[in-house]
Amino acid sequence: MTTQTPLWFTSSYSNNGGQCVEIAANLIAAHGVVPVRDSKRPNGPVLAVHTDAFSSFVDGLKAGQFGTV
């Protein structure tokens, strides 16, 4: 994706025993995407989600559109 080193971040709300995703917030502004990975597989694949799609997803989570587990 880039030669910049991603600085991975897990939300402080992610306190569910390691079932989390991480984002590399330092790459968002420069590239217009939100890099996302599984916190349990730091060497696994990274998804590059467009910022508009990621914002819509977060808004949906906040609104409870995806239910609960």
PDB file of N, CA and C in Angstrom:
ATOM      1  N   MET A   1       0.827  -1.196   0.000  1.00  0.00           N
ATOM      2  CA  MET A   1       0.000   0.000   0.000  1.00  0.00           C
ATOM      3  C   MET A   1       0.867   1.253   0.000  1.00  0.00           C
ATOM      4  N   THR A   2       1.912   1.284   0.831  1.00  0.00           N
ATOM      5  CA  THR A   2       2.741   2.464   0.963  1.00  0.00           C
ATOM      6  C   THR A   2       4.084   2.080   1.578  1.00  0.00           C
ATOM      7  N   THR A   3       5.030   2.985   1.490  1.00  0.00           N
ATOM      8  CA  THR A   3       6.312   2.728   2.149  1.00  0.00           C
ATOM      9  C   THR A   3       6.300   3.230   3.590  1.00  0.00           C
ATOM     10  N   GLN A   4       5.267   3.970   3.978  1.00  0.00           N
ATOM     11  CA  GLN A   4       5.142   4.412   5.365  1.00  0.00           C
ATOM     12  C   GLN A   4       4.858   3.209   6.255  1.00  0.00           C
ATOM     13  N   THR A   5       5.400   3.243   7.461  1.00  0.00           N
ATOM     14  CA  THR A   5       5.141   2.180   8.423  1.00  0.00           C
ATOM     15  C   THR A   5       3.800   2.441   9.102  1.00  0.00           C
ATOM     16  N   PRO A   6       2.892   1.478   9.049  1.00  0.00           N
ATOM     17  CA  PRO A   6       1.604   1.664   9.726  1.00  0.00           C
ATOM     18  C   PRO A   6       1.788   1.682  11.240  1.00  0.00           C
ATOM     19  N   LEU A   7       1.126   2.592  11.893  1.00  0.00           N
ATOM     20  CA  LEU A   7       1.094   2.646  13.359  1.00  0.00           C
ATOM     21  C   LEU A   7      -0.276   2.109  13.774  1.00  0.00           C
ATOM     22  N   TRP A   8      -0.336   0.841  14.146  1.00  0.00           N
ATOM     23  CA  TRP A   8      -1.599   0.163  14.415  1.00  0.00           C
ATOM     24  C   TRP A   8      -2.193   0.609  15.737  1.00  0.00           C
ATOM     25  N   PHE A   9      -3.514   0.744  15.747  1.00  0.00           N
ATOM     26  CA  PHE A   9      -4.260   1.270  16.884  1.00  0.00           C
ATOM     27  C   PHE A   9      -5.490   0.385  17.110  1.00  0.00           C
ATOM     28  N   THR A  10      -5.717   0.006  18.350  1.00  0.00           N
ATOM     29  CA  THR A  10      -6.930  -0.717  18.736  1.00  0.00           C
ATOM     30  C   THR A  10      -7.734   0.195  19.642  1.00  0.00           C
ATOM     31  N   SER A  11      -9.012   0.291  19.410  1.00  0.00           N
ATOM     32  CA  SER A  11      -9.871   1.157  20.200  1.00  0.00           C
ATOM     33  C   SER A  11      -9.817   0.799  21.678  1.00  0.00           C
ATOM     34  N   SER A  12      -9.912   1.810  22.518  1.00  0.00           N
ATOM     35  CA  SER A  12      -9.950   1.573  23.964  1.00  0.00           C
ATOM     36  C   SER A  12     -11.245   0.857  24.363  1.00  0.00           C
ATOM     37  N   TYR A  13     -12.243   0.840  23.475  1.00  0.00           N
ATOM     38  CA  TYR A  13     -13.490   0.134  23.729  1.00  0.00           C
ATOM     39  C   TYR A  13     -13.368  -1.355  23.430  1.00  0.00           C
ATOM     40  N   SER A  14     -12.274  -1.760  22.830  1.00  0.00           N
ATOM     41  CA  SER A  14     -12.061  -3.171  22.470  1.00  0.00           C
ATOM     42  C   SER A  14     -11.495  -3.929  23.654  1.00  0.00           C
ATOM     43  N   ASN A  15     -12.370  -4.388  24.497  1.00  0.00           N
ATOM     44  CA  ASN A  15     -11.954  -5.130  25.679  1.00  0.00           C
ATOM     45  C   ASN A  15     -12.714  -6.454  25.716  1.00  0.00           C
ATOM     46  N   ASN A  16     -12.559  -7.228  24.624  1.00  0.00           N
ATOM     47  CA  ASN A  16     -13.344  -8.457  24.530  1.00  0.00           C
ATOM     48  C   ASN A  16     -12.466  -9.693  24.352  1.00  0.00           C
ATOM     49  N   GLY A  17     -11.337  -9.719  24.992  1.00  0.00           N
ATOM     50  CA  GLY A  17     -10.497 -10.903  24.962  1.00  0.00           C
ATOM     51  C   GLY A  17      -9.713 -11.106  23.681  1.00  0.00           C
ATOM     52  N   GLY A  18      -9.382 -10.047  22.990  1.00  0.00           N
ATOM     53  CA  GLY A  18      -8.543 -10.168  21.809  1.00  0.00           C
ATOM     54  C   GLY A  18      -9.284 -10.335  20.500  1.00  0.00           C
ATOM     55  N   GLN A  19     -10.598 -10.262  20.510  1.00  0.00           N
ATOM     56  CA  GLN A  19     -11.378 -10.370  19.279  1.00  0.00           C
ATOM     57  C   GLN A  19     -11.569  -8.969  18.699  1.00  0.00           C
ATOM     58  N   CYS A  20     -10.469  -8.377  18.219  1.00  0.00           N
ATOM     59  CA  CYS A  20     -10.485  -6.978  17.810  1.00  0.00           C
ATOM     60  C   CYS A  20      -9.944  -6.791  16.394  1.00  0.00           C
ATOM     61  N   VAL A  21     -10.200  -5.625  15.891  1.00  0.00           N
ATOM     62  CA  VAL A  21      -9.533  -5.187  14.671  1.00  0.00           C
ATOM     63  C   VAL A  21      -8.672  -3.990  15.038  1.00  0.00           C
ATOM     64  N   GLU A  22      -7.675  -3.748  14.221  1.00  0.00           N
ATOM     65  CA  GLU A  22      -6.797  -2.602  14.406  1.00  0.00           C
ATOM     66  C   GLU A  22      -6.834  -1.776  13.129  1.00  0.00           C
ATOM     67  N   ILE A  23      -6.624  -0.478  13.277  1.00  0.00           N
ATOM     68  CA  ILE A  23      -6.500   0.398  12.114  1.00  0.00           C
ATOM     69  C   ILE A  23      -5.169   1.136  12.199  1.00  0.00           C
ATOM     70  N   ALA A  24      -4.664   1.530  11.047  1.00  0.00           N
ATOM     71  CA  ALA A  24      -3.433   2.328  10.989  1.00  0.00           C
ATOM     72  C   ALA A  24      -3.842   3.766  10.697  1.00  0.00           C
ATOM     73  N   ALA A  25      -4.147   4.496  11.753  1.00  0.00           N
ATOM     74  CA  ALA A  25      -4.689   5.847  11.615  1.00  0.00           C
ATOM     75  C   ALA A  25      -3.716   6.814  10.947  1.00  0.00           C
ATOM     76  N   ASN A  26      -2.418   6.551  11.045  1.00  0.00           N
ATOM     77  CA  ASN A  26      -1.446   7.481  10.464  1.00  0.00           C
ATOM     78  C   ASN A  26      -1.447   7.463   8.937  1.00  0.00           C
ATOM     79  N   LEU A  27      -2.094   6.503   8.309  1.00  0.00           N
ATOM     80  CA  LEU A  27      -2.113   6.428   6.849  1.00  0.00           C
ATOM     81  C   LEU A  27      -3.412   6.948   6.232  1.00  0.00           C
ATOM     82  N   ILE A  28      -4.379   7.285   7.051  1.00  0.00           N
ATOM     83  CA  ILE A  28      -5.701   7.658   6.551  1.00  0.00           C
ATOM     84  C   ILE A  28      -5.662   8.926   5.710  1.00  0.00           C
ATOM     85  N   ALA A  29      -5.152  10.011   6.242  1.00  0.00           N
ATOM     86  CA  ALA A  29      -5.193  11.296   5.540  1.00  0.00           C
ATOM     87  C   ALA A  29      -4.400  11.278   4.240  1.00  0.00           C
ATOM     88  N   ALA A  30      -3.255  10.662   4.251  1.00  0.00           N
ATOM     89  CA  ALA A  30      -2.383  10.678   3.080  1.00  0.00           C
ATOM     90  C   ALA A  30      -2.877   9.795   1.939  1.00  0.00           C
ATOM     91  N   HIS A  31      -3.662   8.751   2.268  1.00  0.00           N
ATOM     92  CA  HIS A  31      -4.020   7.774   1.248  1.00  0.00           C
ATOM     93  C   HIS A  31      -5.514   7.635   1.005  1.00  0.00           C
ATOM     94  N   GLY A  32      -6.352   8.230   1.840  1.00  0.00           N
ATOM     95  CA  GLY A  32      -7.796   8.168   1.643  1.00  0.00           C
ATOM     96  C   GLY A  32      -8.403   6.804   1.924  1.00  0.00           C
ATOM     97  N   VAL A  33      -7.641   5.944   2.601  1.00  0.00           N
ATOM     98  CA  VAL A  33      -8.142   4.629   2.995  1.00  0.00           C
ATOM     99  C   VAL A  33      -7.816   4.384   4.452  1.00  0.00           C
ATOM    100  N   VAL A  34      -8.576   3.478   5.061  1.00  0.00           N
ATOM    101  CA  VAL A  34      -8.331   3.062   6.433  1.00  0.00           C
ATOM    102  C   VAL A  34      -7.797   1.632   6.372  1.00  0.00           C
ATOM    103  N   PRO A  35      -6.510   1.426   6.644  1.00  0.00           N
ATOM    104  CA  PRO A  35      -5.981   0.075   6.700  1.00  0.00           C
ATOM    105  C   PRO A  35      -6.525  -0.638   7.944  1.00  0.00           C
ATOM    106  N   VAL A  36      -7.058  -1.845   7.761  1.00  0.00           N
ATOM    107  CA  VAL A  36      -7.681  -2.605   8.843  1.00  0.00           C
ATOM    108  C   VAL A  36      -7.085  -4.008   8.859  1.00  0.00           C
ATOM    109  N   ARG A  37      -6.780  -4.526  10.060  1.00  0.00           N
ATOM    110  CA  ARG A  37      -6.289  -5.901  10.175  1.00  0.00           C
ATOM    111  C   ARG A  37      -6.846  -6.544  11.441  1.00  0.00           C
ATOM    112  N   ASP A  38      -6.756  -7.853  11.488  1.00  0.00           N
ATOM    113  CA  ASP A  38      -7.172  -8.646  12.645  1.00  0.00           C
ATOM    114  C   ASP A  38      -6.059  -8.571  13.691  1.00  0.00           C
ATOM    115  N   SER A  39      -6.388  -8.169  14.895  1.00  0.00           N
ATOM    116  CA  SER A  39      -5.367  -8.019  15.933  1.00  0.00           C
ATOM    117  C   SER A  39      -4.717  -9.352  16.308  1.00  0.00           C
ATOM    118  N   LYS A  40      -5.403 -10.457  16.068  1.00  0.00           N
ATOM    119  CA  LYS A  40      -4.835 -11.770  16.389  1.00  0.00           C
ATOM    120  C   LYS A  40      -3.866 -12.243  15.305  1.00  0.00           C
ATOM    121  N   ARG A  41      -3.875 -11.602  14.135  1.00  0.00           N
ATOM    122  CA  ARG A  41      -3.006 -12.004  13.023  1.00  0.00           C
ATOM    123  C   ARG A  41      -2.257 -10.782  12.483  1.00  0.00           C
ATOM    124  N   PRO A  42      -1.325 -10.244  13.267  1.00  0.00           N
ATOM    125  CA  PRO A  42      -0.644  -9.014  12.849  1.00  0.00           C
ATOM    126  C   PRO A  42       0.155  -9.156  11.554  1.00  0.00           C
ATOM    127  N   ASN A  43       0.503 -10.370  11.171  1.00  0.00           N
ATOM    128  CA  ASN A  43       1.210 -10.571   9.909  1.00  0.00           C
ATOM    129  C   ASN A  43       0.277 -11.038   8.803  1.00  0.00           C
ATOM    130  N   GLY A  44      -1.012 -11.056   9.096  1.00  0.00           N
ATOM    131  CA  GLY A  44      -2.007 -11.495   8.117  1.00  0.00           C
ATOM    132  C   GLY A  44      -2.364 -10.388   7.149  1.00  0.00           C
ATOM    133  N   PRO A  45      -3.415 -10.605   6.384  1.00  0.00           N
ATOM    134  CA  PRO A  45      -3.807  -9.622   5.369  1.00  0.00           C
ATOM    135  C   PRO A  45      -4.305  -8.315   5.973  1.00  0.00           C
ATOM    136  N   VAL A  46      -4.189  -7.262   5.198  1.00  0.00           N
ATOM    137  CA  VAL A  46      -4.667  -5.931   5.576  1.00  0.00           C
ATOM    138  C   VAL A  46      -5.706  -5.504   4.548  1.00  0.00           C
ATOM    139  N   LEU A  47      -6.859  -5.059   5.026  1.00  0.00           N
ATOM    140  CA  LEU A  47      -7.891  -4.519   4.153  1.00  0.00           C
ATOM    141  C   LEU A  47      -7.703  -3.011   4.055  1.00  0.00           C
ATOM    142  N   ALA A  48      -7.843  -2.474   2.861  1.00  0.00           N
ATOM    143  CA  ALA A  48      -7.786  -1.030   2.661  1.00  0.00           C
ATOM    144  C   ALA A  48      -9.210  -0.559   2.372  1.00  0.00           C
ATOM    145  N   VAL A  49      -9.849   0.039   3.364  1.00  0.00           N
ATOM    146  CA  VAL A  49     -11.244   0.462   3.261  1.00  0.00           C
ATOM    147  C   VAL A  49     -11.284   1.961   2.989  1.00  0.00           C
ATOM    148  N   HIS A  50     -12.008   2.366   1.950  1.00  0.00           N
ATOM    149  CA  HIS A  50     -12.129   3.799   1.626  1.00  0.00           C
ATOM    150  C   HIS A  50     -12.698   4.537   2.834  1.00  0.00           C
ATOM    151  N   THR A  51     -12.234   5.742   3.059  1.00  0.00           N
ATOM    152  CA  THR A  51     -12.636   6.506   4.251  1.00  0.00           C
ATOM    153  C   THR A  51     -14.145   6.712   4.341  1.00  0.00           C
ATOM    154  N   ASP A  52     -14.807   6.968   3.217  1.00  0.00           N
ATOM    155  CA  ASP A  52     -16.264   7.156   3.250  1.00  0.00           C
ATOM    156  C   ASP A  52     -16.975   5.888   3.702  1.00  0.00           C
ATOM    157  N   ALA A  53     -16.528   4.745   3.192  1.00  0.00           N
ATOM    158  CA  ALA A  53     -17.138   3.470   3.580  1.00  0.00           C
ATOM    159  C   ALA A  53     -16.881   3.171   5.052  1.00  0.00           C
ATOM    160  N   PHE A  54     -15.682   3.460   5.522  1.00  0.00           N
ATOM    161  CA  PHE A  54     -15.360   3.203   6.931  1.00  0.00           C
ATOM    162  C   PHE A  54     -16.193   4.105   7.836  1.00  0.00           C
ATOM    163  N   SER A  55     -16.346   5.357   7.458  1.00  0.00           N
ATOM    164  CA  SER A  55     -17.168   6.289   8.252  1.00  0.00           C
ATOM    165  C   SER A  55     -18.615   5.828   8.321  1.00  0.00           C
ATOM    166  N   SER A  56     -19.140   5.357   7.198  1.00  0.00           N
ATOM    167  CA  SER A  56     -20.511   4.839   7.179  1.00  0.00           C
ATOM    168  C   SER A  56     -20.651   3.618   8.074  1.00  0.00           C
ATOM    169  N   PHE A  57     -19.653   2.749   8.038  1.00  0.00           N
ATOM    170  CA  PHE A  57     -19.662   1.562   8.884  1.00  0.00           C
ATOM    171  C   PHE A  57     -19.668   1.952  10.359  1.00  0.00           C
ATOM    172  N   VAL A  58     -18.795   2.862  10.759  1.00  0.00           N
ATOM    173  CA  VAL A  58     -18.729   3.302  12.158  1.00  0.00           C
ATOM    174  C   VAL A  58     -20.038   3.959  12.577  1.00  0.00           C
ATOM    175  N   ASP A  59     -20.611   4.787  11.702  1.00  0.00           N
ATOM    176  CA  ASP A  59     -21.904   5.409  12.005  1.00  0.00           C
ATOM    177  C   ASP A  59     -22.985   4.346  12.223  1.00  0.00           C
ATOM    178  N   GLY A  60     -22.961   3.299  11.390  1.00  0.00           N
ATOM    179  CA  GLY A  60     -23.920   2.207  11.538  1.00  0.00           C
ATOM    180  C   GLY A  60     -23.741   1.461  12.849  1.00  0.00           C
ATOM    181  N   LEU A  61     -22.491   1.249  13.245  1.00  0.00           N
ATOM    182  CA  LEU A  61     -22.235   0.611  14.535  1.00  0.00           C
ATOM    183  C   LEU A  61     -22.796   1.444  15.681  1.00  0.00           C
ATOM    184  N   LYS A  62     -22.525   2.737  15.626  1.00  0.00           N
ATOM    185  CA  LYS A  62     -23.000   3.631  16.687  1.00  0.00           C
ATOM    186  C   LYS A  62     -24.515   3.664  16.758  1.00  0.00           C
ATOM    187  N   ALA A  63     -25.176   3.514  15.604  1.00  0.00           N
ATOM    188  CA  ALA A  63     -26.631   3.558  15.539  1.00  0.00           C
ATOM    189  C   ALA A  63     -27.271   2.208  15.850  1.00  0.00           C
ATOM    190  N   GLY A  64     -26.454   1.178  16.055  1.00  0.00           N
ATOM    191  CA  GLY A  64     -26.982  -0.141  16.379  1.00  0.00           C
ATOM    192  C   GLY A  64     -27.565  -0.883  15.199  1.00  0.00           C
ATOM    193  N   GLN A  65     -27.152  -0.532  13.990  1.00  0.00           N
ATOM    194  CA  GLN A  65     -27.721  -1.136  12.781  1.00  0.00           C
ATOM    195  C   GLN A  65     -27.285  -2.582  12.556  1.00  0.00           C
ATOM    196  N   PHE A  66     -26.278  -3.045  13.271  1.00  0.00           N
ATOM    197  CA  PHE A  66     -25.750  -4.381  13.031  1.00  0.00           C
ATOM    198  C   PHE A  66     -26.091  -5.349  14.158  1.00  0.00           C
ATOM    199  N   GLY A  67     -26.889  -4.929  15.120  1.00  0.00           N
ATOM    200  CA  GLY A  67     -27.270  -5.807  16.210  1.00  0.00           C
ATOM    201  C   GLY A  67     -26.126  -6.047  17.175  1.00  0.00           C
ATOM    202  N   THR A  68     -26.313  -7.028  18.031  1.00  0.00           N
ATOM    203  CA  THR A  68     -25.285  -7.380  19.002  1.00  0.00           C
ATOM    204  C   THR A  68     -25.002  -8.861  18.945  1.00  0.00           C
ATOM    205  N   VAL A  69     -23.883  -9.235  19.495  1.00  0.00           N
ATOM    206  CA  VAL A  69     -23.492 -10.653  19.514  1.00  0.00           C
ATOM    207  C   VAL A  69     -23.751 -11.230  20.876  1.00  0.00           C
TER     208      VAL A  69
END
